[in-house]
mmCIF file of all heavy atoms, coordinates in Angstrom:
data_MODEL
# 
_entry.id   MODEL 
# 
loop_
_atom_site.group_PDB 
_atom_site.id 
_atom_site.type_symbol 
_atom_site.label_atom_id 
_atom_site.label_alt_id 
_atom_site.label_comp_id 
_atom_site.label_asym_id 
_atom_site.label_entity_id 
_atom_site.label_seq_id 
_atom_site.pdbx_PDB_ins_code 
_atom_site.Cartn_x 
_atom_site.Cartn_y 
_atom_site.Cartn_z 
_atom_site.occupancy 
_atom_site.B_iso_or_equiv 
_atom_site.pdbx_formal_charge 
_atom_site.auth_seq_id 
_atom_site.auth_comp_id 
_atom_site.auth_asym_id 
_atom_site.auth_atom_id 
_atom_site.pdbx_PDB_model_num 
ATOM 1   N N   . TRP A 1 1  ? 99.192  108.344 80.790  1.00 0.00 ? 1  TRP A N   1 
ATOM 2   C CA  . TRP A 1 1  ? 99.900  109.644 80.999  1.00 0.00 ? 1  TRP A CA  1 
ATOM 3   C C   . TRP A 1 1  ? 99.863  110.089 82.479  1.00 0.00 ? 1  TRP A C   1 
ATOM 4   O O   . TRP A 1 1  ? 100.409 111.091 82.899  1.00 0.00 ? 1  TRP A O   1 
ATOM 5   C CB  . TRP A 1 1  ? 99.254  110.619 80.111  1.00 0.00 ? 1  TRP A CB  1 
ATOM 6   C CG  . TRP A 1 1  ? 97.809  110.706 80.105  1.00 0.00 ? 1  TRP A CG  1 
ATOM 7   C CD1 . TRP A 1 1  ? 96.964  111.394 81.001  1.00 0.00 ? 1  TRP A CD1 1 
ATOM 8   C CD2 . TRP A 1 1  ? 96.908  109.975 79.347  1.00 0.00 ? 1  TRP A CD2 1 
ATOM 9   N NE1 . TRP A 1 1  ? 95.606  111.222 80.786  1.00 0.00 ? 1  TRP A NE1 1 
ATOM 10  C CE2 . TRP A 1 1  ? 95.635  110.314 79.681  1.00 0.00 ? 1  TRP A CE2 1 
ATOM 11  C CE3 . TRP A 1 1  ? 96.983  109.007 78.266  1.00 0.00 ? 1  TRP A CE3 1 
ATOM 12  C CZ2 . TRP A 1 1  ? 94.373  109.814 79.045  1.00 0.00 ? 1  TRP A CZ2 1 
ATOM 13  C CZ3 . TRP A 1 1  ? 95.857  108.574 77.627  1.00 0.00 ? 1  TRP A CZ3 1 
ATOM 14  C CH2 . TRP A 1 1  ? 94.670  108.802 78.126  1.00 0.00 ? 1  TRP A CH2 1 
ATOM 15  N N   . LEU A 1 2  ? 99.194  109.356 83.378  1.00 0.00 ? 2  LEU A N   1 
ATOM 16  C CA  . LEU A 1 2  ? 99.226  109.636 84.725  1.00 0.00 ? 2  LEU A CA  1 
ATOM 17  C C   . LEU A 1 2  ? 99.807  108.545 85.683  1.00 0.00 ? 2  LEU A C   1 
ATOM 18  O O   . LEU A 1 2  ? 99.615  108.465 86.856  1.00 0.00 ? 2  LEU A O   1 
ATOM 19  C CB  . LEU A 1 2  ? 97.623  109.831 85.191  1.00 0.00 ? 2  LEU A CB  1 
ATOM 20  C CG  . LEU A 1 2  ? 96.857  110.957 84.598  1.00 0.00 ? 2  LEU A CG  1 
ATOM 21  C CD1 . LEU A 1 2  ? 95.425  110.896 85.166  1.00 0.00 ? 2  LEU A CD1 1 
ATOM 22  C CD2 . LEU A 1 2  ? 97.510  112.310 84.960  1.00 0.00 ? 2  LEU A CD2 1 
ATOM 23  N N   . GLY A 1 3  ? 100.693 107.900 85.073  1.00 0.00 ? 3  GLY A N   1 
ATOM 24  C CA  . GLY A 1 3  ? 101.554 106.893 85.770  1.00 0.00 ? 3  GLY A CA  1 
ATOM 25  C C   . GLY A 1 3  ? 101.330 105.411 85.544  1.00 0.00 ? 3  GLY A C   1 
ATOM 26  O O   . GLY A 1 3  ? 102.027 104.658 86.048  1.00 0.00 ? 3  GLY A O   1 
ATOM 27  N N   . LEU A 1 4  ? 100.242 105.074 84.732  1.00 0.00 ? 4  LEU A N   1 
ATOM 28  C CA  . LEU A 1 4  ? 99.920  103.682 84.431  1.00 0.00 ? 4  LEU A CA  1 
ATOM 29  C C   . LEU A 1 4  ? 99.752  102.902 85.783  1.00 0.00 ? 4  LEU A C   1 
ATOM 30  O O   . LEU A 1 4  ? 98.841  103.167 86.467  1.00 0.00 ? 4  LEU A O   1 
ATOM 31  C CB  . LEU A 1 4  ? 100.967 103.130 83.571  1.00 0.00 ? 4  LEU A CB  1 
ATOM 32  C CG  . LEU A 1 4  ? 100.515 101.905 82.709  1.00 0.00 ? 4  LEU A CG  1 
ATOM 33  C CD1 . LEU A 1 4  ? 99.373  102.302 81.715  1.00 0.00 ? 4  LEU A CD1 1 
ATOM 34  C CD2 . LEU A 1 4  ? 101.691 101.416 81.743  1.00 0.00 ? 4  LEU A CD2 1 
ATOM 35  N N   . ASP A 1 5  ? 100.575 101.958 85.998  1.00 0.00 ? 5  ASP A N   1 
ATOM 36  C CA  . ASP A 1 5  ? 100.573 101.184 87.289  1.00 0.00 ? 5  ASP A CA  1 
ATOM 37  C C   . ASP A 1 5  ? 101.554 101.586 88.359  1.00 0.00 ? 5  ASP A C   1 
ATOM 38  O O   . ASP A 1 5  ? 101.721 100.791 89.344  1.00 0.00 ? 5  ASP A O   1 
ATOM 39  C CB  . ASP A 1 5  ? 100.812 99.668  86.887  1.00 0.00 ? 5  ASP A CB  1 
ATOM 40  C CG  . ASP A 1 5  ? 102.196 99.451  86.548  1.00 0.00 ? 5  ASP A CG  1 
ATOM 41  O OD1 . ASP A 1 5  ? 102.984 100.320 86.088  1.00 0.00 ? 5  ASP A OD1 1 
ATOM 42  O OD2 . ASP A 1 5  ? 102.616 98.232  86.500  1.00 0.00 ? 5  ASP A OD2 1 
ATOM 43  N N   . ALA A 1 6  ? 102.148 102.777 88.173  1.00 0.00 ? 6  ALA A N   1 
ATOM 44  C CA  . ALA A 1 6  ? 103.210 103.190 89.218  1.00 0.00 ? 6  ALA A CA  1 
ATOM 45  C C   . ALA A 1 6  ? 102.567 103.354 90.564  1.00 0.00 ? 6  ALA A C   1 
ATOM 46  O O   . ALA A 1 6  ? 103.375 103.241 91.597  1.00 0.00 ? 6  ALA A O   1 
ATOM 47  C CB  . ALA A 1 6  ? 103.708 104.456 88.721  1.00 0.00 ? 6  ALA A CB  1 
ATOM 48  N N   . HIS A 1 7  ? 101.238 103.624 90.749  1.00 0.00 ? 7  HIS A N   1 
ATOM 49  C CA  . HIS A 1 7  ? 100.661 103.834 92.067  1.00 0.00 ? 7  HIS A CA  1 
ATOM 50  C C   . HIS A 1 7  ? 99.782  102.660 92.461  1.00 0.00 ? 7  HIS A C   1 
ATOM 51  O O   . HIS A 1 7  ? 99.074  102.718 93.497  1.00 0.00 ? 7  HIS A O   1 
ATOM 52  C CB  . HIS A 1 7  ? 99.770  105.096 92.014  1.00 0.00 ? 7  HIS A CB  1 
ATOM 53  C CG  . HIS A 1 7  ? 100.614 106.366 91.573  1.00 0.00 ? 7  HIS A CG  1 
ATOM 54  N ND1 . HIS A 1 7  ? 101.492 106.858 92.310  1.00 0.00 ? 7  HIS A ND1 1 
ATOM 55  C CD2 . HIS A 1 7  ? 100.394 107.069 90.420  1.00 0.00 ? 7  HIS A CD2 1 
ATOM 56  C CE1 . HIS A 1 7  ? 101.990 107.954 91.667  1.00 0.00 ? 7  HIS A CE1 1 
ATOM 57  N NE2 . HIS A 1 7  ? 101.418 108.093 90.462  1.00 0.00 ? 7  HIS A NE2 1 
ATOM 58  N N   . CYS A 1 8  ? 99.985  101.543 91.703  1.00 0.00 ? 8  CYS A N   1 
ATOM 59  C CA  . CYS A 1 8  ? 99.284  100.340 92.047  1.00 0.00 ? 8  CYS A CA  1 
ATOM 60  C C   . CYS A 1 8  ? 99.662  99.794  93.513  1.00 0.00 ? 8  CYS A C   1 
ATOM 61  O O   . CYS A 1 8  ? 100.861 99.815  93.921  1.00 0.00 ? 8  CYS A O   1 
ATOM 62  C CB  . CYS A 1 8  ? 99.474  99.228  91.100  1.00 0.00 ? 8  CYS A CB  1 
ATOM 63  S SG  . CYS A 1 8  ? 98.428  97.717  91.383  1.00 0.00 ? 8  CYS A SG  1 
ATOM 64  N N   . ASN A 1 9  ? 98.686  99.352  94.300  1.00 0.00 ? 9  ASN A N   1 
ATOM 65  C CA  . ASN A 1 9  ? 98.984  98.883  95.587  1.00 0.00 ? 9  ASN A CA  1 
ATOM 66  C C   . ASN A 1 9  ? 99.897  97.525  95.522  1.00 0.00 ? 9  ASN A C   1 
ATOM 67  O O   . ASN A 1 9  ? 100.398 97.173  96.604  1.00 0.00 ? 9  ASN A O   1 
ATOM 68  C CB  . ASN A 1 9  ? 97.683  98.576  96.391  1.00 0.00 ? 9  ASN A CB  1 
ATOM 69  C CG  . ASN A 1 9  ? 96.696  97.591  95.769  1.00 0.00 ? 9  ASN A CG  1 
ATOM 70  O OD1 . ASN A 1 9  ? 97.217  96.793  94.922  1.00 0.00 ? 9  ASN A OD1 1 
ATOM 71  N ND2 . ASN A 1 9  ? 95.491  97.571  96.189  1.00 0.00 ? 9  ASN A ND2 1 
ATOM 72  N N   . TYR A 1 10 ? 99.960  97.023  94.374  1.00 0.00 ? 10 TYR A N   1 
ATOM 73  C CA  . TYR A 1 10 ? 100.732 95.813  94.215  1.00 0.00 ? 10 TYR A CA  1 
ATOM 74  C C   . TYR A 1 10 ? 102.315 96.154  94.676  1.00 0.00 ? 10 TYR A C   1 
ATOM 75  O O   . TYR A 1 10 ? 103.034 95.271  95.245  1.00 0.00 ? 10 TYR A O   1 
ATOM 76  C CB  . TYR A 1 10 ? 100.925 95.254  92.886  1.00 0.00 ? 10 TYR A CB  1 
ATOM 77  C CG  . TYR A 1 10 ? 101.785 94.181  92.622  1.00 0.00 ? 10 TYR A CG  1 
ATOM 78  C CD1 . TYR A 1 10 ? 101.463 92.856  93.131  1.00 0.00 ? 10 TYR A CD1 1 
ATOM 79  C CD2 . TYR A 1 10 ? 102.925 94.322  91.848  1.00 0.00 ? 10 TYR A CD2 1 
ATOM 80  C CE1 . TYR A 1 10 ? 102.324 91.829  92.922  1.00 0.00 ? 10 TYR A CE1 1 
ATOM 81  C CE2 . TYR A 1 10 ? 103.843 93.331  91.698  1.00 0.00 ? 10 TYR A CE2 1 
ATOM 82  C CZ  . TYR A 1 10 ? 103.470 92.006  92.157  1.00 0.00 ? 10 TYR A CZ  1 
ATOM 83  O OH  . TYR A 1 10 ? 104.370 91.070  91.963  1.00 0.00 ? 10 TYR A OH  1 
ATOM 84  N N   . TYR A 1 11 ? 102.700 97.429  94.357  1.00 0.00 ? 11 TYR A N   1 
ATOM 85  C CA  . TYR A 1 11 ? 104.131 97.790  94.568  1.00 0.00 ? 11 TYR A CA  1 
ATOM 86  C C   . TYR A 1 11 ? 104.238 98.327  96.016  1.00 0.00 ? 11 TYR A C   1 
ATOM 87  O O   . TYR A 1 11 ? 105.391 98.776  96.305  1.00 0.00 ? 11 TYR A O   1 
ATOM 88  C CB  . TYR A 1 11 ? 104.536 98.890  93.511  1.00 0.00 ? 11 TYR A CB  1 
ATOM 89  C CG  . TYR A 1 11 ? 104.372 98.328  92.215  1.00 0.00 ? 11 TYR A CG  1 
ATOM 90  C CD1 . TYR A 1 11 ? 103.567 98.900  91.196  1.00 0.00 ? 11 TYR A CD1 1 
ATOM 91  C CD2 . TYR A 1 11 ? 105.244 97.329  91.655  1.00 0.00 ? 11 TYR A CD2 1 
ATOM 92  C CE1 . TYR A 1 11 ? 103.468 98.375  89.912  1.00 0.00 ? 11 TYR A CE1 1 
ATOM 93  C CE2 . TYR A 1 11 ? 105.128 96.830  90.427  1.00 0.00 ? 11 TYR A CE2 1 
ATOM 94  C CZ  . TYR A 1 11 ? 104.258 97.411  89.608  1.00 0.00 ? 11 TYR A CZ  1 
ATOM 95  O OH  . TYR A 1 11 ? 104.166 96.890  88.253  1.00 0.00 ? 11 TYR A OH  1 
ATOM 96  N N   . LYS A 1 12 ? 103.256 98.377  96.887  1.00 0.00 ? 12 LYS A N   1 
ATOM 97  C CA  . LYS A 1 12 ? 103.344 98.996  98.170  1.00 0.00 ? 12 LYS A CA  1 
ATOM 98  C C   . LYS A 1 12 ? 103.418 98.080  99.246  1.00 0.00 ? 12 LYS A C   1 
ATOM 99  O O   . LYS A 1 12 ? 102.578 97.215  99.488  1.00 0.00 ? 12 LYS A O   1 
ATOM 100 C CB  . LYS A 1 12 ? 102.085 99.913  98.393  1.00 0.00 ? 12 LYS A CB  1 
ATOM 101 C CG  . LYS A 1 12 ? 101.994 101.080 97.374  1.00 0.00 ? 12 LYS A CG  1 
ATOM 102 C CD  . LYS A 1 12 ? 100.967 101.961 97.722  1.00 0.00 ? 12 LYS A CD  1 
ATOM 103 C CE  . LYS A 1 12 ? 100.773 103.028 96.652  1.00 0.00 ? 12 LYS A CE  1 
ATOM 104 N NZ  . LYS A 1 12 ? 101.899 103.565 95.987  1.00 0.00 ? 12 LYS A NZ  1 
ATOM 105 N N   . PRO A 1 13 ? 104.581 97.766  99.797  1.00 0.00 ? 13 PRO A N   1 
ATOM 106 C CA  . PRO A 1 13 ? 104.830 96.687  100.794 1.00 0.00 ? 13 PRO A CA  1 
ATOM 107 C C   . PRO A 1 13 ? 103.893 96.741  101.903 1.00 0.00 ? 13 PRO A C   1 
ATOM 108 O O   . PRO A 1 13 ? 103.506 95.747  102.503 1.00 0.00 ? 13 PRO A O   1 
ATOM 109 C CB  . PRO A 1 13 ? 106.180 96.751  101.215 1.00 0.00 ? 13 PRO A CB  1 
ATOM 110 C CG  . PRO A 1 13 ? 106.869 97.889  100.384 1.00 0.00 ? 13 PRO A CG  1 
ATOM 111 C CD  . PRO A 1 13 ? 105.761 98.619  99.591  1.00 0.00 ? 13 PRO A CD  1 
ATOM 112 N N   . GLN A 1 14 ? 103.444 97.958  102.388 1.00 0.00 ? 14 GLN A N   1 
ATOM 113 C CA  . GLN A 1 14 ? 102.510 98.027  103.379 1.00 0.00 ? 14 GLN A CA  1 
ATOM 114 C C   . GLN A 1 14 ? 101.022 97.836  103.105 1.00 0.00 ? 14 GLN A C   1 
ATOM 115 O O   . GLN A 1 14 ? 100.214 97.882  104.066 1.00 0.00 ? 14 GLN A O   1 
ATOM 116 C CB  . GLN A 1 14 ? 102.682 99.540  104.006 1.00 0.00 ? 14 GLN A CB  1 
ATOM 117 C CG  . GLN A 1 14 ? 102.058 100.604 103.295 1.00 0.00 ? 14 GLN A CG  1 
ATOM 118 C CD  . GLN A 1 14 ? 102.888 101.136 102.063 1.00 0.00 ? 14 GLN A CD  1 
ATOM 119 O OE1 . GLN A 1 14 ? 103.830 100.509 101.674 1.00 0.00 ? 14 GLN A OE1 1 
ATOM 120 N NE2 . GLN A 1 14 ? 102.364 102.238 101.558 1.00 0.00 ? 14 GLN A NE2 1 
ATOM 121 N N   . ALA A 1 15 ? 100.604 97.763  101.825 1.00 0.00 ? 15 ALA A N   1 
ATOM 122 C CA  . ALA A 1 15 ? 99.373  97.531  101.440 1.00 0.00 ? 15 ALA A CA  1 
ATOM 123 C C   . ALA A 1 15 ? 98.846  96.161  101.904 1.00 0.00 ? 15 ALA A C   1 
ATOM 124 O O   . ALA A 1 15 ? 99.496  95.075  101.648 1.00 0.00 ? 15 ALA A O   1 
ATOM 125 C CB  . ALA A 1 15 ? 99.211  97.634  99.955  1.00 0.00 ? 15 ALA A CB  1 
ATOM 126 N N   . GLU A 1 16 ? 97.765  96.092  102.600 1.00 0.00 ? 16 GLU A N   1 
ATOM 127 C CA  . GLU A 1 16 ? 97.153  94.944  103.103 1.00 0.00 ? 16 GLU A CA  1 
ATOM 128 C C   . GLU A 1 16 ? 96.742  93.986  101.932 1.00 0.00 ? 16 GLU A C   1 
ATOM 129 O O   . GLU A 1 16 ? 96.814  92.796  102.050 1.00 0.00 ? 16 GLU A O   1 
ATOM 130 C CB  . GLU A 1 16 ? 95.929  95.271  103.999 1.00 0.00 ? 16 GLU A CB  1 
ATOM 131 C CG  . GLU A 1 16 ? 95.444  94.067  104.730 1.00 0.00 ? 16 GLU A CG  1 
ATOM 132 C CD  . GLU A 1 16 ? 94.272  94.450  105.676 1.00 0.00 ? 16 GLU A CD  1 
ATOM 133 O OE1 . GLU A 1 16 ? 94.078  95.627  105.919 1.00 0.00 ? 16 GLU A OE1 1 
ATOM 134 O OE2 . GLU A 1 16 ? 93.595  93.509  106.121 1.00 0.00 ? 16 GLU A OE2 1 
ATOM 135 N N   . HIS A 1 17 ? 96.187  94.612  100.891 1.00 0.00 ? 17 HIS A N   1 
ATOM 136 C CA  . HIS A 1 17 ? 95.642  93.853  99.848  1.00 0.00 ? 17 HIS A CA  1 
ATOM 137 C C   . HIS A 1 17 ? 96.348  94.246  98.503  1.00 0.00 ? 17 HIS A C   1 
ATOM 138 O O   . HIS A 1 17 ? 96.627  95.441  98.321  1.00 0.00 ? 17 HIS A O   1 
ATOM 139 C CB  . HIS A 1 17 ? 94.098  94.123  99.639  1.00 0.00 ? 17 HIS A CB  1 
ATOM 140 C CG  . HIS A 1 17 ? 93.323  93.871  100.867 1.00 0.00 ? 17 HIS A CG  1 
ATOM 141 N ND1 . HIS A 1 17 ? 93.144  92.631  101.394 1.00 0.00 ? 17 HIS A ND1 1 
ATOM 142 C CD2 . HIS A 1 17 ? 92.785  94.730  101.753 1.00 0.00 ? 17 HIS A CD2 1 
ATOM 143 C CE1 . HIS A 1 17 ? 92.380  92.765  102.485 1.00 0.00 ? 17 HIS A CE1 1 
ATOM 144 N NE2 . HIS A 1 17 ? 92.186  93.921  102.724 1.00 0.00 ? 17 HIS A NE2 1 
ATOM 145 N N   . LYS A 1 18 ? 96.568  93.360  97.695  1.00 0.00 ? 18 LYS A N   1 
ATOM 146 C CA  . LYS A 1 18 ? 97.296  93.460  96.430  1.00 0.00 ? 18 LYS A CA  1 
ATOM 147 C C   . LYS A 1 18 ? 96.344  93.265  95.232  1.00 0.00 ? 18 LYS A C   1 
ATOM 148 O O   . LYS A 1 18 ? 95.599  92.408  95.220  1.00 0.00 ? 18 LYS A O   1 
ATOM 149 C CB  . LYS A 1 18 ? 98.538  92.556  96.338  1.00 0.00 ? 18 LYS A CB  1 
ATOM 150 C CG  . LYS A 1 18 ? 99.456  92.551  97.466  1.00 0.00 ? 18 LYS A CG  1 
ATOM 151 C CD  . LYS A 1 18 ? 100.290 93.913  97.454  1.00 0.00 ? 18 LYS A CD  1 
ATOM 152 C CE  . LYS A 1 18 ? 101.196 93.841  98.558  1.00 0.00 ? 18 LYS A CE  1 
ATOM 153 N NZ  . LYS A 1 18 ? 102.262 94.931  98.563  1.00 0.00 ? 18 LYS A NZ  1 
ATOM 154 N N   . CYS A 1 19 ? 96.538  94.109  94.364  1.00 0.00 ? 19 CYS A N   1 
ATOM 155 C CA  . CYS A 1 19 ? 95.614  94.095  93.030  1.00 0.00 ? 19 CYS A CA  1 
ATOM 156 C C   . CYS A 1 19 ? 95.658  92.633  92.446  1.00 0.00 ? 19 CYS A C   1 
ATOM 157 O O   . CYS A 1 19 ? 96.687  92.164  92.260  1.00 0.00 ? 19 CYS A O   1 
ATOM 158 C CB  . CYS A 1 19 ? 96.188  95.142  91.994  1.00 0.00 ? 19 CYS A CB  1 
ATOM 159 S SG  . CYS A 1 19 ? 95.457  94.870  90.382  1.00 0.00 ? 19 CYS A SG  1 
ATOM 160 N N   . PRO A 1 20 ? 94.481  92.118  92.275  1.00 0.00 ? 20 PRO A N   1 
ATOM 161 C CA  . PRO A 1 20 ? 94.393  90.683  91.768  1.00 0.00 ? 20 PRO A CA  1 
ATOM 162 C C   . PRO A 1 20 ? 95.048  90.439  90.381  1.00 0.00 ? 20 PRO A C   1 
ATOM 163 O O   . PRO A 1 20 ? 95.615  89.454  90.046  1.00 0.00 ? 20 PRO A O   1 
ATOM 164 C CB  . PRO A 1 20 ? 93.014  90.400  91.807  1.00 0.00 ? 20 PRO A CB  1 
ATOM 165 C CG  . PRO A 1 20 ? 92.333  91.227  92.803  1.00 0.00 ? 20 PRO A CG  1 
ATOM 166 C CD  . PRO A 1 20 ? 93.149  92.526  92.714  1.00 0.00 ? 20 PRO A CD  1 
ATOM 167 N N   . TRP A 1 21 ? 94.961  91.524  89.526  1.00 0.00 ? 21 TRP A N   1 
ATOM 168 C CA  . TRP A 1 21 ? 95.470  91.400  88.170  1.00 0.00 ? 21 TRP A CA  1 
ATOM 169 C C   . TRP A 1 21 ? 97.019  91.462  88.222  1.00 0.00 ? 21 TRP A C   1 
ATOM 170 O O   . TRP A 1 21 ? 97.704  90.807  87.435  1.00 0.00 ? 21 TRP A O   1 
ATOM 171 C CB  . TRP A 1 21 ? 94.906  92.349  87.214  1.00 0.00 ? 21 TRP A CB  1 
ATOM 172 C CG  . TRP A 1 21 ? 93.576  91.976  86.691  1.00 0.00 ? 21 TRP A CG  1 
ATOM 173 C CD1 . TRP A 1 21 ? 92.933  90.814  86.873  1.00 0.00 ? 21 TRP A CD1 1 
ATOM 174 C CD2 . TRP A 1 21 ? 92.726  92.782  85.864  1.00 0.00 ? 21 TRP A CD2 1 
ATOM 175 N NE1 . TRP A 1 21 ? 91.661  90.838  86.200  1.00 0.00 ? 21 TRP A NE1 1 
ATOM 176 C CE2 . TRP A 1 21 ? 91.521  92.081  85.658  1.00 0.00 ? 21 TRP A CE2 1 
ATOM 177 C CE3 . TRP A 1 21 ? 92.817  94.071  85.442  1.00 0.00 ? 21 TRP A CE3 1 
ATOM 178 C CZ2 . TRP A 1 21 ? 90.529  92.553  84.841  1.00 0.00 ? 21 TRP A CZ2 1 
ATOM 179 C CZ3 . TRP A 1 21 ? 91.782  94.549  84.559  1.00 0.00 ? 21 TRP A CZ3 1 
ATOM 180 C CH2 . TRP A 1 21 ? 90.600  93.863  84.413  1.00 0.00 ? 21 TRP A CH2 1 
ATOM 181 N N   . CYS A 1 22 ? 97.539  92.278  89.104  1.00 0.00 ? 22 CYS A N   1 
ATOM 182 C CA  . CYS A 1 22 ? 98.991  92.442  89.227  1.00 0.00 ? 22 CYS A CA  1 
ATOM 183 C C   . CYS A 1 22 ? 99.520  91.275  90.113  1.00 0.00 ? 22 CYS A C   1 
ATOM 184 O O   . CYS A 1 22 ? 100.640 90.845  89.961  1.00 0.00 ? 22 CYS A O   1 
ATOM 185 C CB  . CYS A 1 22 ? 99.222  93.771  89.817  1.00 0.00 ? 22 CYS A CB  1 
ATOM 186 S SG  . CYS A 1 22 ? 98.842  95.097  88.803  1.00 0.00 ? 22 CYS A SG  1 
ATOM 187 N N   . ALA A 1 23 ? 98.826  90.781  91.213  1.00 0.00 ? 23 ALA A N   1 
ATOM 188 C CA  . ALA A 1 23 ? 99.438  89.821  92.165  1.00 0.00 ? 23 ALA A CA  1 
ATOM 189 C C   . ALA A 1 23 ? 99.620  88.469  91.379  1.00 0.00 ? 23 ALA A C   1 
ATOM 190 O O   . ALA A 1 23 ? 100.497 87.769  91.848  1.00 0.00 ? 23 ALA A O   1 
ATOM 191 C CB  . ALA A 1 23 ? 98.461  89.684  93.244  1.00 0.00 ? 23 ALA A CB  1 
ATOM 192 N N   . SER A 1 24 ? 98.825  88.187  90.536  1.00 0.00 ? 24 SER A N   1 
ATOM 193 C CA  . SER A 1 24 ? 98.807  86.872  89.779  1.00 0.00 ? 24 SER A CA  1 
ATOM 194 C C   . SER A 1 24 ? 98.966  87.170  88.276  1.00 0.00 ? 24 SER A C   1 
ATOM 195 O O   . SER A 1 24 ? 98.031  87.519  87.659  1.00 0.00 ? 24 SER A O   1 
ATOM 196 C CB  . SER A 1 24 ? 97.550  86.133  90.058  1.00 0.00 ? 24 SER A CB  1 
ATOM 197 O OG  . SER A 1 24 ? 97.626  85.053  89.144  1.00 0.00 ? 24 SER A OG  1 
ATOM 198 N N   . MET A 1 25 ? 100.229 86.991  87.845  1.00 0.00 ? 25 MET A N   1 
ATOM 199 C CA  . MET A 1 25 ? 100.470 87.349  86.339  1.00 0.00 ? 25 MET A CA  1 
ATOM 200 C C   . MET A 1 25 ? 99.585  86.498  85.476  1.00 0.00 ? 25 MET A C   1 
ATOM 201 O O   . MET A 1 25 ? 99.045  86.823  84.446  1.00 0.00 ? 25 MET A O   1 
ATOM 202 C CB  . MET A 1 25 ? 101.895 87.010  86.133  1.00 0.00 ? 25 MET A CB  1 
ATOM 203 C CG  . MET A 1 25 ? 102.304 87.338  84.732  1.00 0.00 ? 25 MET A CG  1 
ATOM 204 S SD  . MET A 1 25 ? 102.330 89.151  84.323  1.00 0.00 ? 25 MET A SD  1 
ATOM 205 C CE  . MET A 1 25 ? 103.693 89.792  85.290  1.00 0.00 ? 25 MET A CE  1 
ATOM 206 N N   . PHE A 1 26 ? 99.359  85.213  85.857  1.00 0.00 ? 26 PHE A N   1 
ATOM 207 C CA  . PHE A 1 26 ? 98.524  84.288  85.106  1.00 0.00 ? 26 PHE A CA  1 
ATOM 208 C C   . PHE A 1 26 ? 97.113  84.849  84.979  1.00 0.00 ? 26 PHE A C   1 
ATOM 209 O O   . PHE A 1 26 ? 96.464  84.910  83.966  1.00 0.00 ? 26 PHE A O   1 
ATOM 210 C CB  . PHE A 1 26 ? 98.419  82.939  85.756  1.00 0.00 ? 26 PHE A CB  1 
ATOM 211 C CG  . PHE A 1 26 ? 97.458  81.930  85.024  1.00 0.00 ? 26 PHE A CG  1 
ATOM 212 C CD1 . PHE A 1 26 ? 97.832  81.392  83.781  1.00 0.00 ? 26 PHE A CD1 1 
ATOM 213 C CD2 . PHE A 1 26 ? 96.364  81.607  85.615  1.00 0.00 ? 26 PHE A CD2 1 
ATOM 214 C CE1 . PHE A 1 26 ? 96.947  80.537  83.145  1.00 0.00 ? 26 PHE A CE1 1 
ATOM 215 C CE2 . PHE A 1 26 ? 95.425  80.761  85.095  1.00 0.00 ? 26 PHE A CE2 1 
ATOM 216 C CZ  . PHE A 1 26 ? 95.710  80.232  83.810  1.00 0.00 ? 26 PHE A CZ  1 
ATOM 217 N N   . VAL A 1 27 ? 96.498  85.215  86.180  1.00 0.00 ? 27 VAL A N   1 
ATOM 218 C CA  . VAL A 1 27 ? 95.072  85.657  86.248  1.00 0.00 ? 27 VAL A CA  1 
ATOM 219 C C   . VAL A 1 27 ? 94.946  87.094  85.507  1.00 0.00 ? 27 VAL A C   1 
ATOM 220 O O   . VAL A 1 27 ? 94.116  87.327  84.718  1.00 0.00 ? 27 VAL A O   1 
ATOM 221 C CB  . VAL A 1 27 ? 94.646  85.849  87.711  1.00 0.00 ? 27 VAL A CB  1 
ATOM 222 C CG1 . VAL A 1 27 ? 93.317  86.674  87.693  1.00 0.00 ? 27 VAL A CG1 1 
ATOM 223 C CG2 . VAL A 1 27 ? 94.447  84.514  88.273  1.00 0.00 ? 27 VAL A CG2 1 
# 
């Protein structure tokens, strides 16, 4: 109810690091 993964750094092109669970679908 607060956006789920909408604010995840995975979706931010400028983010230096990307969420490991989102960056690798398999993982």
